[in-house]
Amino acid sequence: MERESILNDIPNGAAAIALFIAGVEILMQAAGAGIIGGQMGIGWRNDMISDFAFFPAVQDEIINRGFLPAQYLWRYFTYPFIHDGLTHAFFALALVLALGKFIGDRWHWASLFVIFVIPGAVAAFVFGLIAPQNWPLYGAYPPVYGLVGAFTYMLWMRLGETGGNPWRAFAMIGMLVLVQILWGLMMKIFAMLGMGGDPTPFVFFMGVGDLAGFATGLALSPIVGPGSWRAFVARLRQR
């Protein structure tokens, strides 16, 4: 029997996002190893963070000056594709593929892009309101939380159709929040033992940004998901 490639099973929207994340990280790994870029390539990751990550100072500049230069705005959409290393990128990639597979099999590819891009931008905006100006935001986790929001909405709709407990739909976001809290506590203990700086502010700022991404993905799902607003209203009437 002919075996199909795993890649053939991944929806186009999820595959495009994953390939972009993987492509950037492969480029950074090659540059860091000196395979491309020579001696200059070793500093490419820092340059990418400087040029394409999101900084609260950028948002303050936009708000204070009241204008929207393109060289600033792109940071709201480019930061998810930059990571601080292979492990950081690998777990983000795995989440994009898993959630993107589940969502993309049922939604239009354009809806998947909306649920990734818009929550990511909203998460950056919220992060920019509360974090210090020079703290960079990068990595795909904030928009991944937008995908978690869509996943939660889909599960909530399904549980409504089958008569299940609708609160079960929020189990995944609850687990992720618990993991973040435990990770923050662990890093706090390390800091108290003199094994690093206090991570509490960063964990808090990132957590708020991630939850903003989740809330945005959840809020957008009735608009861009299958059946759109009519399906959402019909589900509410079943209560």
C-alpha atoms as a PDB file:
ATOM      1  CA  MET A   1       0.000   0.000   0.000  1.00  0.00           C
ATOM      2  CA  GLU A   2       1.363   3.425  -0.945  1.00  0.00           C
ATOM      3  CA  ARG A   3       2.228   5.620   2.019  1.00  0.00           C
ATOM      4  CA  GLU A   4       1.307   9.289   1.840  1.00  0.00           C
ATOM      5  CA  SER A   5       3.684  11.981   2.989  1.00  0.00           C
ATOM      6  CA  ILE A   6       2.846  13.575   6.332  1.00  0.00           C
ATOM      7  CA  LEU A   7       3.221  16.949   4.652  1.00  0.00           C
ATOM      8  CA  ASN A   8       0.311  16.108   2.357  1.00  0.00           C
ATOM      9  CA  ASP A   9      -1.967  15.987   5.394  1.00  0.00           C
ATOM     10  CA  ILE A  10      -1.093  19.483   6.615  1.00  0.00           C
ATOM     11  CA  PRO A  11      -3.493  22.228   5.429  1.00  0.00           C
ATOM     12  CA  ASN A  12      -1.913  24.818   3.161  1.00  0.00           C
ATOM     13  CA  GLY A  13      -2.320  27.719   5.583  1.00  0.00           C
ATOM     14  CA  ALA A  14      -0.659  25.874   8.464  1.00  0.00           C
ATOM     15  CA  ALA A  15       2.073  24.565   6.163  1.00  0.00           C
ATOM     16  CA  ALA A  16       2.871  28.075   4.895  1.00  0.00           C
ATOM     17  CA  ILE A  17       3.206  29.486   8.441  1.00  0.00           C
ATOM     18  CA  ALA A  18       5.271  26.496   9.579  1.00  0.00           C
ATOM     19  CA  LEU A  19       7.591  26.658   6.586  1.00  0.00           C
ATOM     20  CA  PHE A  20       8.241  30.345   7.181  1.00  0.00           C
ATOM     21  CA  ILE A  21       9.099  29.724  10.835  1.00  0.00           C
ATOM     22  CA  ALA A  22      11.294  26.759   9.934  1.00  0.00           C
ATOM     23  CA  GLY A  23      12.966  28.612   7.057  1.00  0.00           C
ATOM     24  CA  VAL A  24      13.982  31.564   9.221  1.00  0.00           C
ATOM     25  CA  GLU A  25      15.346  29.282  11.945  1.00  0.00           C
ATOM     26  CA  ILE A  26      17.283  27.140   9.454  1.00  0.00           C
ATOM     27  CA  LEU A  27      18.812  30.331   8.086  1.00  0.00           C
ATOM     28  CA  MET A  28      19.775  31.438  11.612  1.00  0.00           C
ATOM     29  CA  GLN A  29      21.260  28.043  12.430  1.00  0.00           C
ATOM     30  CA  ALA A  30      23.322  28.065   9.240  1.00  0.00           C
ATOM     31  CA  ALA A  31      24.515  31.605   9.914  1.00  0.00           C
ATOM     32  CA  GLY A  32      25.386  30.811  13.522  1.00  0.00           C
ATOM     33  CA  ALA A  33      27.441  27.825  12.386  1.00  0.00           C
ATOM     34  CA  GLY A  34      29.344  29.981   9.919  1.00  0.00           C
ATOM     35  CA  ILE A  35      27.958  28.100   6.905  1.00  0.00           C
ATOM     36  CA  ILE A  36      26.587  31.306   5.404  1.00  0.00           C
ATOM     37  CA  GLY A  37      27.491  34.909   6.046  1.00  0.00           C
ATOM     38  CA  GLY A  38      30.968  34.153   7.340  1.00  0.00           C
ATOM     39  CA  GLN A  39      31.926  35.947  10.535  1.00  0.00           C
ATOM     40  CA  MET A  40      29.097  38.407  10.007  1.00  0.00           C
ATOM     41  CA  GLY A  41      26.567  35.551   9.991  1.00  0.00           C
ATOM     42  CA  ILE A  42      27.223  34.782  13.645  1.00  0.00           C
ATOM     43  CA  GLY A  43      25.483  38.023  14.604  1.00  0.00           C
ATOM     44  CA  TRP A  44      22.532  37.641  12.249  1.00  0.00           C
ATOM     45  CA  ARG A  45      20.135  36.435  14.966  1.00  0.00           C
ATOM     46  CA  ASN A  46      20.771  39.532  17.074  1.00  0.00           C
ATOM     47  CA  ASP A  47      20.372  41.672  13.965  1.00  0.00           C
ATOM     48  CA  MET A  48      17.059  39.979  13.150  1.00  0.00           C
ATOM     49  CA  ILE A  49      15.797  40.615  16.663  1.00  0.00           C
ATOM     50  CA  SER A  50      16.878  44.239  16.447  1.00  0.00           C
ATOM     51  CA  ASP A  51      15.299  44.782  13.025  1.00  0.00           C
ATOM     52  CA  PHE A  52      12.142  42.631  13.138  1.00  0.00           C
ATOM     53  CA  ALA A  53      11.194  41.946  16.786  1.00  0.00           C
ATOM     54  CA  PHE A  54       8.587  44.092  18.490  1.00  0.00           C
ATOM     55  CA  PHE A  55       9.692  46.663  21.067  1.00  0.00           C
ATOM     56  CA  PRO A  56       7.347  48.678  23.302  1.00  0.00           C
ATOM     57  CA  ALA A  57       9.472  51.729  22.445  1.00  0.00           C
ATOM     58  CA  VAL A  58       8.254  51.399  18.848  1.00  0.00           C
ATOM     59  CA  GLN A  59       4.641  51.554  19.984  1.00  0.00           C
ATOM     60  CA  ASP A  60       5.339  54.517  22.237  1.00  0.00           C
ATOM     61  CA  GLU A  61       6.861  56.307  19.259  1.00  0.00           C
ATOM     62  CA  ILE A  62       3.752  55.634  17.185  1.00  0.00           C
ATOM     63  CA  ILE A  63       1.393  56.795  19.936  1.00  0.00           C
ATOM     64  CA  ASN A  64       3.395  59.869  20.906  1.00  0.00           C
ATOM     65  CA  ARG A  65       3.966  61.086  17.369  1.00  0.00           C
ATOM     66  CA  GLY A  66       0.574  60.032  16.055  1.00  0.00           C
ATOM     67  CA  PHE A  67       1.756  58.542  12.790  1.00  0.00           C
ATOM     68  CA  LEU A  68       2.093  55.032  11.394  1.00  0.00           C
ATOM     69  CA  PRO A  69       5.365  54.553   9.509  1.00  0.00           C
ATOM     70  CA  ALA A  70       5.592  51.244   7.660  1.00  0.00           C
ATOM     71  CA  GLN A  71       9.030  50.491   9.083  1.00  0.00           C
ATOM     72  CA  TYR A  72       7.443  50.369  12.527  1.00  0.00           C
ATOM     73  CA  LEU A  73       4.173  48.656  11.710  1.00  0.00           C
ATOM     74  CA  TRP A  74       5.748  45.566  10.182  1.00  0.00           C
ATOM     75  CA  ARG A  75       7.123  44.587  13.597  1.00  0.00           C
ATOM     76  CA  TYR A  76       3.616  43.687  14.760  1.00  0.00           C
ATOM     77  CA  PHE A  77       3.600  40.969  12.093  1.00  0.00           C
ATOM     78  CA  THR A  78       7.252  39.887  11.762  1.00  0.00           C
ATOM     79  CA  TYR A  79       8.143  39.147  15.381  1.00  0.00           C
ATOM     80  CA  PRO A  80       6.402  35.692  15.455  1.00  0.00           C
ATOM     81  CA  PHE A  81       8.886  34.315  12.921  1.00  0.00           C
ATOM     82  CA  ILE A  82      12.016  35.092  14.956  1.00  0.00           C
ATOM     83  CA  HIS A  83      13.155  32.845  17.815  1.00  0.00           C
ATOM     84  CA  ASP A  84      16.063  32.818  20.217  1.00  0.00           C
ATOM     85  CA  GLY A  85      17.191  29.310  19.316  1.00  0.00           C
ATOM     86  CA  LEU A  86      16.341  25.903  17.911  1.00  0.00           C
ATOM     87  CA  THR A  87      14.350  24.702  20.944  1.00  0.00           C
ATOM     88  CA  HIS A  88      12.274  27.887  21.043  1.00  0.00           C
ATOM     89  CA  ALA A  89      11.467  27.545  17.339  1.00  0.00           C
ATOM     90  CA  PHE A  90      10.874  23.781  17.479  1.00  0.00           C
ATOM     91  CA  PHE A  91       8.124  23.918  20.113  1.00  0.00           C
ATOM     92  CA  ALA A  92       6.462  26.870  18.375  1.00  0.00           C
ATOM     93  CA  LEU A  93       6.578  24.952  15.099  1.00  0.00           C
ATOM     94  CA  ALA A  94       5.084  21.841  16.705  1.00  0.00           C
ATOM     95  CA  LEU A  95       2.189  23.849  18.142  1.00  0.00           C
ATOM     96  CA  VAL A  96       1.528  25.598  14.830  1.00  0.00           C
ATOM     97  CA  LEU A  97       1.416  22.256  13.005  1.00  0.00           C
ATOM     98  CA  ALA A  98      -0.790  20.544  15.583  1.00  0.00           C
ATOM     99  CA  LEU A  99      -3.296  23.370  16.021  1.00  0.00           C
ATOM    100  CA  GLY A 100      -3.073  24.378  12.359  1.00  0.00           C
ATOM    101  CA  LYS A 101      -3.891  20.819  11.319  1.00  0.00           C
ATOM    102  CA  PHE A 102      -6.979  20.695  13.539  1.00  0.00           C
ATOM    103  CA  ILE A 103      -8.229  24.143  12.537  1.00  0.00           C
ATOM    104  CA  GLY A 104      -7.132  24.107   8.901  1.00  0.00           C
ATOM    105  CA  ASP A 105      -8.966  20.861   8.157  1.00  0.00           C
ATOM    106  CA  ARG A 106     -12.228  22.606   8.989  1.00  0.00           C
ATOM    107  CA  TRP A 107     -11.614  26.275   8.170  1.00  0.00           C
ATOM    108  CA  HIS A 108     -10.657  28.169   5.052  1.00  0.00           C
ATOM    109  CA  TRP A 109      -6.933  28.870   4.803  1.00  0.00           C
ATOM    110  CA  ALA A 110      -7.590  32.637   4.909  1.00  0.00           C
ATOM    111  CA  SER A 111      -9.426  32.246   8.230  1.00  0.00           C
ATOM    112  CA  LEU A 112      -6.432  30.390   9.630  1.00  0.00           C
ATOM    113  CA  PHE A 113      -4.147  33.269   8.641  1.00  0.00           C
ATOM    114  CA  VAL A 114      -6.497  35.775  10.291  1.00  0.00           C
ATOM    115  CA  ILE A 115      -6.532  33.755  13.518  1.00  0.00           C
ATOM    116  CA  PHE A 116      -2.727  33.708  13.517  1.00  0.00           C
ATOM    117  CA  VAL A 117      -1.911  37.243  12.374  1.00  0.00           C
ATOM    118  CA  ILE A 118      -4.504  39.415  14.154  1.00  0.00           C
ATOM    119  CA  PRO A 119      -4.128  37.860  17.635  1.00  0.00           C
ATOM    120  CA  GLY A 120      -0.366  38.181  17.245  1.00  0.00           C
ATOM    121  CA  ALA A 121      -0.662  41.883  16.514  1.00  0.00           C
ATOM    122  CA  VAL A 122      -3.089  42.440  19.404  1.00  0.00           C
ATOM    123  CA  ALA A 123      -0.783  40.534  21.775  1.00  0.00           C
ATOM    124  CA  ALA A 124       2.117  42.779  20.737  1.00  0.00           C
ATOM    125  CA  PHE A 125      -0.001  45.891  21.272  1.00  0.00           C
ATOM    126  CA  VAL A 126      -0.964  44.790  24.795  1.00  0.00           C
ATOM    127  CA  PHE A 127       2.629  43.798  25.554  1.00  0.00           C
ATOM    128  CA  GLY A 128       3.723  47.222  24.378  1.00  0.00           C
ATOM    129  CA  LEU A 129       1.356  48.907  26.823  1.00  0.00           C
ATOM    130  CA  ILE A 130       2.770  47.208  29.926  1.00  0.00           C
ATOM    131  CA  ALA A 131       6.355  46.099  29.262  1.00  0.00           C
ATOM    132  CA  PRO A 132       9.502  48.244  29.544  1.00  0.00           C
ATOM    133  CA  GLN A 133      10.427  50.024  26.337  1.00  0.00           C
ATOM    134  CA  ASN A 134      13.590  48.042  25.627  1.00  0.00           C
ATOM    135  CA  TRP A 135      12.136  44.548  26.192  1.00  0.00           C
ATOM    136  CA  PRO A 136      11.804  42.739  22.860  1.00  0.00           C
ATOM    137  CA  LEU A 137       8.898  40.480  21.997  1.00  0.00           C
ATOM    138  CA  TYR A 138       9.613  37.709  19.513  1.00  0.00           C
ATOM    139  CA  GLY A 139       8.557  34.133  18.861  1.00  0.00           C
ATOM    140  CA  ALA A 140       5.351  32.515  17.632  1.00  0.00           C
ATOM    141  CA  TYR A 141       3.779  31.816  21.017  1.00  0.00           C
ATOM    142  CA  PRO A 142       1.461  34.881  21.204  1.00  0.00           C
ATOM    143  CA  PRO A 143      -0.218  34.108  17.842  1.00  0.00           C
ATOM    144  CA  VAL A 144      -0.240  30.411  18.759  1.00  0.00           C
ATOM    145  CA  TYR A 145      -2.456  31.425  21.659  1.00  0.00           C
ATOM    146  CA  GLY A 146      -4.764  32.893  19.015  1.00  0.00           C
ATOM    147  CA  LEU A 147      -4.936  29.413  17.472  1.00  0.00           C
ATOM    148  CA  VAL A 148      -5.689  28.037  20.941  1.00  0.00           C
ATOM    149  CA  GLY A 149      -8.587  30.486  21.088  1.00  0.00           C
ATOM    150  CA  ALA A 150      -9.931  29.134  17.793  1.00  0.00           C
ATOM    151  CA  PHE A 151      -9.428  25.567  19.006  1.00  0.00           C
ATOM    152  CA  THR A 152     -11.359  26.414  22.190  1.00  0.00           C
ATOM    153  CA  TYR A 153     -14.219  27.898  20.169  1.00  0.00           C
ATOM    154  CA  MET A 154     -14.415  24.848  17.913  1.00  0.00           C
ATOM    155  CA  LEU A 155     -14.457  22.487  20.893  1.00  0.00           C
ATOM    156  CA  TRP A 156     -17.095  24.629  22.615  1.00  0.00           C
ATOM    157  CA  MET A 157     -19.285  24.418  19.519  1.00  0.00           C
ATOM    158  CA  ARG A 158     -18.818  20.659  19.271  1.00  0.00           C
ATOM    159  CA  LEU A 159     -19.599  20.058  22.944  1.00  0.00           C
ATOM    160  CA  GLY A 160     -22.770  22.104  22.512  1.00  0.00           C
ATOM    161  CA  GLU A 161     -23.859  19.880  19.643  1.00  0.00           C
ATOM    162  CA  THR A 162     -23.199  16.675  21.603  1.00  0.00           C
ATOM    163  CA  GLY A 163     -24.536  17.857  24.950  1.00  0.00           C
ATOM    164  CA  GLY A 164     -21.144  17.788  26.669  1.00  0.00           C
ATOM    165  CA  ASN A 165     -19.901  20.120  29.374  1.00  0.00           C
ATOM    166  CA  PRO A 166     -18.951  23.366  27.545  1.00  0.00           C
ATOM    167  CA  TRP A 167     -16.338  24.264  30.171  1.00  0.00           C
ATOM    168  CA  ARG A 168     -14.226  21.336  28.978  1.00  0.00           C
ATOM    169  CA  ALA A 169     -13.408  23.460  25.935  1.00  0.00           C
ATOM    170  CA  PHE A 170     -11.243  25.676  28.140  1.00  0.00           C
ATOM    171  CA  ALA A 171      -9.105  22.830  29.470  1.00  0.00           C
ATOM    172  CA  MET A 172      -6.231  23.542  27.077  1.00  0.00           C
ATOM    173  CA  ILE A 173      -5.888  27.237  27.892  1.00  0.00           C
ATOM    174  CA  GLY A 174      -6.165  26.368  31.579  1.00  0.00           C
ATOM    175  CA  MET A 175      -3.331  23.879  31.236  1.00  0.00           C
ATOM    176  CA  LEU A 176      -1.162  26.380  29.362  1.00  0.00           C
ATOM    177  CA  VAL A 177      -1.715  29.055  32.010  1.00  0.00           C
ATOM    178  CA  LEU A 178      -0.816  26.543  34.726  1.00  0.00           C
ATOM    179  CA  VAL A 179       2.379  25.601  32.878  1.00  0.00           C
ATOM    180  CA  GLN A 180       3.335  29.287  32.613  1.00  0.00           C
ATOM    181  CA  ILE A 181       2.741  29.805  36.323  1.00  0.00           C
ATOM    182  CA  LEU A 182       4.811  26.747  37.254  1.00  0.00           C
ATOM    183  CA  TRP A 183       7.589  27.808  34.906  1.00  0.00           C
ATOM    184  CA  GLY A 184       7.591  31.280  36.444  1.00  0.00           C
ATOM    185  CA  LEU A 185       7.745  29.817  39.947  1.00  0.00           C
ATOM    186  CA  MET A 186      10.624  27.543  38.962  1.00  0.00           C
ATOM    187  CA  MET A 187      12.578  30.443  37.477  1.00  0.00           C
ATOM    188  CA  LYS A 188      11.795  32.493  40.595  1.00  0.00           C
ATOM    189  CA  ILE A 189      13.304  29.759  42.773  1.00  0.00           C
ATOM    190  CA  PHE A 190      16.412  29.693  40.574  1.00  0.00           C
ATOM    191  CA  ALA A 191      16.709  33.469  40.980  1.00  0.00           C
ATOM    192  CA  MET A 192      16.404  33.176  44.765  1.00  0.00           C
ATOM    193  CA  LEU A 193      19.221  30.607  44.701  1.00  0.00           C
ATOM    194  CA  GLY A 194      21.415  33.023  42.776  1.00  0.00           C
ATOM    195  CA  MET A 195      21.144  31.080  39.517  1.00  0.00           C
ATOM    196  CA  GLY A 196      19.682  33.904  37.428  1.00  0.00           C
ATOM    197  CA  GLY A 197      17.795  37.174  37.440  1.00  0.00           C
ATOM    198  CA  ASP A 198      14.230  37.602  38.642  1.00  0.00           C
ATOM    199  CA  PRO A 199      11.992  36.474  35.745  1.00  0.00           C
ATOM    200  CA  THR A 200       8.712  37.540  37.380  1.00  0.00           C
ATOM    201  CA  PRO A 201       8.139  40.757  35.387  1.00  0.00           C
ATOM    202  CA  PHE A 202       8.916  39.127  32.046  1.00  0.00           C
ATOM    203  CA  VAL A 203       6.717  36.095  32.778  1.00  0.00           C
ATOM    204  CA  PHE A 204       3.880  38.441  33.734  1.00  0.00           C
ATOM    205  CA  PHE A 205       4.230  40.664  30.651  1.00  0.00           C
ATOM    206  CA  MET A 206       4.460  37.668  28.329  1.00  0.00           C
ATOM    207  CA  GLY A 207       1.528  35.966  30.050  1.00  0.00           C
ATOM    208  CA  VAL A 208      -0.702  39.012  29.623  1.00  0.00           C
ATOM    209  CA  GLY A 209       0.274  39.258  25.952  1.00  0.00           C
ATOM    210  CA  ASP A 210      -0.407  35.561  25.395  1.00  0.00           C
ATOM    211  CA  LEU A 211      -3.831  35.811  27.026  1.00  0.00           C
ATOM    212  CA  ALA A 212      -4.619  38.821  24.839  1.00  0.00           C
ATOM    213  CA  GLY A 213      -3.784  36.659  21.817  1.00  0.00           C
ATOM    214  CA  PHE A 214      -6.044  33.891  23.122  1.00  0.00           C
ATOM    215  CA  ALA A 215      -8.945  36.264  23.780  1.00  0.00           C
ATOM    216  CA  THR A 216      -8.599  37.780  20.306  1.00  0.00           C
ATOM    217  CA  GLY A 217      -8.545  34.385  18.617  1.00  0.00           C
ATOM    218  CA  LEU A 218     -11.598  33.328  20.604  1.00  0.00           C
ATOM    219  CA  ALA A 219     -13.454  36.556  19.764  1.00  0.00           C
ATOM    220  CA  LEU A 220     -12.635  36.362  16.045  1.00  0.00           C
ATOM    221  CA  SER A 221     -13.673  32.717  15.662  1.00  0.00           C
ATOM    222  CA  PRO A 222     -17.448  33.334  15.455  1.00  0.00           C
ATOM    223  CA  ILE A 223     -16.754  35.835  12.681  1.00  0.00           C
ATOM    224  CA  VAL A 224     -14.271  33.944  10.494  1.00  0.00           C
ATOM    225  CA  GLY A 225     -15.031  30.346  11.475  1.00  0.00           C
ATOM    226  CA  PRO A 226     -17.287  27.873   9.649  1.00  0.00           C
ATOM    227  CA  GLY A 227     -20.897  28.988   9.676  1.00  0.00           C
ATOM    228  CA  SER A 228     -19.772  32.422  10.796  1.00  0.00           C
ATOM    229  CA  TRP A 229     -22.012  34.417  13.130  1.00  0.00           C
ATOM    230  CA  ARG A 230     -25.159  32.404  12.382  1.00  0.00           C
ATOM    231  CA  ALA A 231     -23.633  29.213  13.740  1.00  0.00           C
ATOM    232  CA  PHE A 232     -22.517  31.041  16.886  1.00  0.00           C
ATOM    233  CA  VAL A 233     -25.989  32.513  17.508  1.00  0.00           C
ATOM    234  CA  ALA A 234     -27.610  29.125  16.906  1.00  0.00           C
ATOM    235  CA  ARG A 235     -25.260  27.594  19.467  1.00  0.00           C
ATOM    236  CA  LEU A 236     -26.213  30.235  22.040  1.00  0.00           C
ATOM    237  CA  ARG A 237     -29.904  29.495  21.483  1.00  0.00           C
ATOM    238  CA  GLN A 238     -29.326  25.869  22.378  1.00  0.00           C
ATOM    239  CA  ARG A 239     -28.540  26.820  25.982  1.00  0.00           C
END
